[in-house]
């Protein structure tokens, strides 16, 4: 069996924050290894890693028992990025960064790019500059195990692939095939930035061209990751209230990519299948992403943005299960995955893109201590000895030149020469001697006269009065500043539950940018659920 898992981790270093500096140096490797062990997959694909090469550490990139591959954002730091971790038993034969082929600069690339004439070179560079795609190519073999089914457990009487009307035996049992995994983190279309919607659709087009080119070359293909589109109304918690849900460009693109479920006349037959809906066609509430700000995960108020899409032949012959893991926490997304009835045939060595071959991790990058190591080569030692002798001769010459230019003290001695230590303890002739006629003050003048008891008491009373006045003045100042700086106002109560609200800030560009407002503190959920957030809203008064 081959188990593949995909997870948008919203920052691969997130579990390590605050702990990596308090634990041993190998703690990062321990945490990553623990995550991989928990997911229990042969191939794990991460999205939104938010690391660039300059901040990638060896414990994070290299884990015992796995070989890893990273694609970094070249346009922004701490943004986007994907990574694929493969068990040594599933070592790929090739790996490549990006979809366009412009980043394929070394042997071991996947190849098969298709016709990209509709894109300019600048557009292709821009689409691949954010580190959103990573391809790994594997050899797989299917054991001789008979017939495989692709229908959901709850509806065996239905076929979900157009044209498939009976159980079909596998056509390549026991043979080696090529499987290409495309790990993708598709762009998000911000409603306030129409140019990002255009960028997203161009990325979708490039992804489809590359996937279809790989299929045409004879490879099986799995597209897995965060596609950033909820395909059908069942995949979104509030689809009925969204305007033109079915007309969304991203959903139309997925319609063209995927085979329609059911066997109605005229159903579209796309090259790929949504594996989860193939096994769970009517499962409601099967979401993979929730708003972390509103706490929507508590009430499962989310959408399904993460997919494992397989080509039709591969799903028919090998897919045994497709699943979600909502119980796995640590991100605003949950992992998704699939199980295939194939075994991986590992490559003898990792492709050049593997992180263990990066100069900073492979030991080939020169370090400063390399220049401080004693030279053992006799030729170099002889050269260094000659250079050392030459340097010593030059130093002696310089010292002699300096001595010849120094002024010499006279034979009789000079006051400008170096002083003797005893000269500092002799009386100086420059200071005037004490005059014998100098009158010293009398002892009585140096003694303070005795202070009367009444004067002492008066001083004590005066000190207490001044201290009391200072205390009163301090209390007056404190009360004044308390009246001016009254501290934060108490939170208003929402009308639905009569509970304290939470304060939020408007981050959307516009006239209200930066303004504060209050909303119900409960997690977001269906309007019919009384335990979910009510619709209370109140602008905060300007300070």
Foldseek 3Di string as FASTA:
>chain_A
DAKEKEEAQLALCLVVPPPCVVDDVLVLLVVVVVVCVVVPGQKYKYKLNQADPVPDDPSNADHPQWWKFKFAAQPDHRTIIMMMIGGLQWFFQAKDAAQQCPRVDDPRHDDQQADPVVDDPVLRCVLRNHHFKMKTKFKWAFAPDWWDAQAAPVCSCFFFFAPDRDTDTADGHGHIAMEMEIEGDAFACDPVDNVSVVSRVVNLVSVVRRQVSCVVVRHWYKYWYFSNAFQDPLQALPQVPDPPNCVRPSNVSVLQQEWGTGHDPPTHHHQKHQSQCRHVVPDHLPAFADDPVQQQVVASRGGHRTTIITTPSQSRHWWDHKDWDSVDDNHRGTMIMTGTNIGTRHDPDHYCSTPCNDCVNVVVDDDPCVVVDDDDDVVVVVVVVVVVVVVVVVVVVVVVVVVVPDDDADPVGDPPDDDDPCVVVDDDPVDDDDDPPDDDDDPVVVDDDDDDPVVVVVVVVVVVVVVVVVVVVVVVVVVVVCVVCVDDDFAAAFPLPRDGWDKDADCDDDPRHGWIKTFHSAHADDPVDSRHTDGDIGTDDDD
